[in-house]
Amino acid sequence: MKLKLMCAFAVSLLGGCASVTPADSAQNTLRKTFPEPSRSMAGIFIYRNELMDPGVVSSIILDGQEIGKTSRMSFLYKEVTPGKHTLSTIPASDDATSTLHINVRRDTLSYVWQEVKASIPLGRTQLHAMDAGVGQEGVAQSTLAETR
């Protein structure tokens, strides 16, 4: 088992990693200034910032609708109505879904870290609500991916 894990990790480092389509660079720069969301809305950042991330692509589902895909060192940003929402992630290489229920407030930003755990198959993920300081640091290290 240990050998399989090491081999899979080595393959991901040698270019077996997938990537996502980056968003417009102006939007990337703007989002990293952390402006308040549009009037009467809330903003959610979902980010991956681990250097040892195997780089598999994951679909991010918000309230049953895919809003984009993440990969190593990427983030998504979505404005939503205030209240309760459900975020899920489905790695392309695995059927293990991670779900996080989040309650967002009007005119605020929320941060969700998508932790990627090495596993066979590669790419099990876990979603974690983070505080603003840690979340902004993670987003700043990442690049905005196309978000629907």
Protein backbone atom coordinates (compact mmCIF):
# COMPACT_ATOMS: atom_id res chain seq x y z
CA MET A 1 0.00 0.00 0.00
CA LYS A 2 2.78 2.40 0.94
CA LEU A 3 4.60 1.67 -2.34
CA LYS A 4 1.44 2.31 -4.38
CA LEU A 5 0.93 5.63 -2.62
CA MET A 6 4.54 6.70 -3.23
CA CYS A 7 4.34 5.72 -6.91
CA ALA A 8 1.07 7.58 -7.42
CA PHE A 9 2.50 10.67 -5.74
CA ALA A 10 5.64 10.51 -7.92
CA VAL A 11 3.54 10.27 -11.08
CA SER A 12 1.56 13.36 -10.07
CA LEU A 13 4.78 15.32 -9.53
CA LEU A 14 6.15 14.30 -12.93
CA GLY A 15 3.36 15.87 -14.90
CA GLY A 16 0.39 13.61 -14.38
CA CYS A 17 -1.41 16.60 -12.88
CA ALA A 18 -4.46 18.14 -14.44
CA SER A 19 -5.19 21.83 -14.41
CA VAL A 20 -8.19 24.10 -14.64
CA THR A 21 -8.89 27.05 -16.94
CA PRO A 22 -7.69 30.25 -15.26
CA ALA A 23 -10.06 33.21 -15.11
CA ASP A 24 -9.22 36.61 -16.55
CA SER A 25 -6.08 38.02 -14.89
CA ALA A 26 -7.88 41.27 -14.04
CA GLN A 27 -10.53 39.29 -12.13
CA ASN A 28 -7.79 37.32 -10.38
CA THR A 29 -6.16 40.56 -9.25
CA LEU A 30 -9.49 42.12 -8.19
CA ARG A 31 -10.60 39.12 -6.13
CA LYS A 32 -7.28 39.14 -4.25
CA THR A 33 -8.12 42.64 -2.93
CA PHE A 34 -11.13 41.03 -1.20
CA PRO A 35 -13.76 43.66 -2.08
CA GLU A 36 -17.13 43.39 -0.38
CA PRO A 37 -19.70 41.38 -2.32
CA SER A 38 -22.39 43.07 -4.37
CA ARG A 39 -25.12 44.80 -2.38
CA SER A 40 -27.13 42.46 -0.16
CA MET A 41 -25.08 39.42 -1.21
CA ALA A 42 -22.39 37.26 0.41
CA GLY A 43 -19.16 36.01 -1.17
CA ILE A 44 -17.62 32.55 -0.87
CA PHE A 45 -14.03 31.69 -1.74
CA ILE A 46 -13.13 28.02 -2.21
CA TYR A 47 -9.36 27.53 -2.43
CA ARG A 48 -6.62 24.91 -2.68
CA ASN A 49 -3.15 26.05 -1.69
CA GLU A 50 -1.17 22.96 -0.71
CA LEU A 51 2.17 22.49 -2.46
CA MET A 52 1.99 18.71 -2.02
CA ASP A 53 -1.50 18.57 -3.57
CA PRO A 54 -1.61 15.77 -6.18
CA GLY A 55 -3.23 18.21 -8.63
CA VAL A 56 -6.33 16.25 -9.54
CA VAL A 57 -9.27 18.29 -10.78
CA SER A 58 -12.34 18.47 -8.54
CA SER A 59 -15.82 19.72 -9.37
CA ILE A 60 -17.24 22.19 -6.85
CA ILE A 61 -20.99 21.95 -6.36
CA LEU A 62 -22.95 24.78 -4.69
CA ASP A 63 -26.54 23.97 -3.79
CA GLY A 64 -26.68 21.21 -6.41
CA GLN A 65 -25.10 23.20 -9.28
CA GLU A 66 -21.50 22.95 -10.44
CA ILE A 67 -19.84 26.37 -10.15
CA GLY A 68 -16.39 25.37 -11.38
CA LYS A 69 -13.41 23.10 -10.98
CA THR A 70 -10.34 23.37 -8.79
CA SER A 71 -6.84 21.98 -9.05
CA ARG A 72 -3.55 22.62 -7.25
CA MET A 73 -3.06 26.30 -6.24
CA SER A 74 -6.43 27.52 -7.56
CA PHE A 75 -9.54 29.15 -6.13
CA LEU A 76 -13.13 29.92 -7.06
CA TYR A 77 -15.25 32.89 -5.99
CA LYS A 78 -19.03 32.96 -6.01
CA GLU A 79 -21.55 35.50 -4.77
CA VAL A 80 -24.65 34.02 -3.16
CA THR A 81 -27.73 35.12 -1.30
CA PRO A 82 -27.28 35.28 2.48
CA GLY A 83 -28.30 32.17 4.38
CA LYS A 84 -27.58 28.46 4.42
CA HIS A 85 -25.77 26.81 1.50
CA THR A 86 -24.31 23.39 0.78
CA LEU A 87 -20.90 23.00 -0.84
CA SER A 88 -19.71 19.65 -2.17
CA THR A 89 -16.65 18.52 -4.02
CA ILE A 90 -16.29 15.51 -6.26
CA PRO A 91 -12.74 14.63 -7.32
CA ALA A 92 -12.51 13.43 -10.92
CA SER A 93 -10.51 10.37 -9.89
CA ASP A 94 -12.70 9.27 -7.00
CA ASP A 95 -16.36 9.03 -6.07
CA ALA A 96 -15.77 10.24 -2.50
CA THR A 97 -17.81 13.39 -2.01
CA SER A 98 -17.01 15.91 0.69
CA THR A 99 -19.85 18.17 1.85
CA LEU A 100 -19.85 21.33 3.96
CA HIS A 101 -22.94 23.20 5.14
CA ILE A 102 -22.21 26.90 5.48
CA ASN A 103 -24.33 29.81 6.70
CA VAL A 104 -23.21 33.08 5.10
CA ARG A 105 -24.14 36.60 6.12
CA ARG A 106 -25.01 39.55 3.92
CA ASP A 107 -22.10 41.82 2.91
CA THR A 108 -19.46 39.34 4.18
CA LEU A 109 -16.87 37.04 2.67
CA SER A 110 -16.49 33.39 3.69
CA TYR A 111 -13.52 31.11 3.06
CA VAL A 112 -13.51 27.37 2.44
CA TRP A 113 -10.27 25.40 2.20
CA GLN A 114 -10.37 22.32 0.03
CA GLU A 115 -7.86 19.98 1.61
CA VAL A 116 -6.63 17.21 -0.67
CA LYS A 117 -5.54 13.98 0.94
CA ALA A 118 -3.25 11.53 -0.79
CA SER A 119 -5.11 8.28 -1.34
CA ILE A 120 -5.53 5.49 -3.84
CA PRO A 121 -7.12 6.50 -6.10
CA LEU A 122 -5.58 9.95 -5.76
CA GLY A 123 -7.50 12.96 -4.66
CA ARG A 124 -9.79 12.50 -1.67
CA THR A 125 -10.85 15.94 -0.52
CA GLN A 126 -12.24 17.54 2.61
CA LEU A 127 -13.87 20.98 2.85
CA HIS A 128 -13.15 23.20 5.88
CA ALA A 129 -14.60 26.61 6.84
CA MET A 130 -11.68 28.95 7.60
CA ASP A 131 -11.35 32.32 9.28
CA ALA A 132 -10.68 35.42 7.16
CA GLY A 133 -6.96 35.72 7.95
CA VAL A 134 -6.10 32.14 7.00
CA GLY A 135 -8.54 32.18 4.08
CA GLN A 136 -7.18 35.37 2.54
CA GLU A 137 -3.63 34.03 2.80
CA GLY A 138 -4.67 30.82 1.03
CA VAL A 139 -6.49 32.71 -1.73
CA ALA A 140 -3.50 35.06 -2.21
CA GLN A 141 -1.28 32.01 -2.88
CA SER A 142 -3.66 30.67 -5.53
CA THR A 143 -4.98 31.65 -8.98
CA LEU A 144 -8.64 32.29 -9.79
CA ALA A 145 -10.19 29.55 -11.94
CA GLU A 146 -13.18 30.09 -14.20
CA THR A 147 -16.33 30.21 -12.11
CA ARG A 148 -19.92 29.85 -13.32
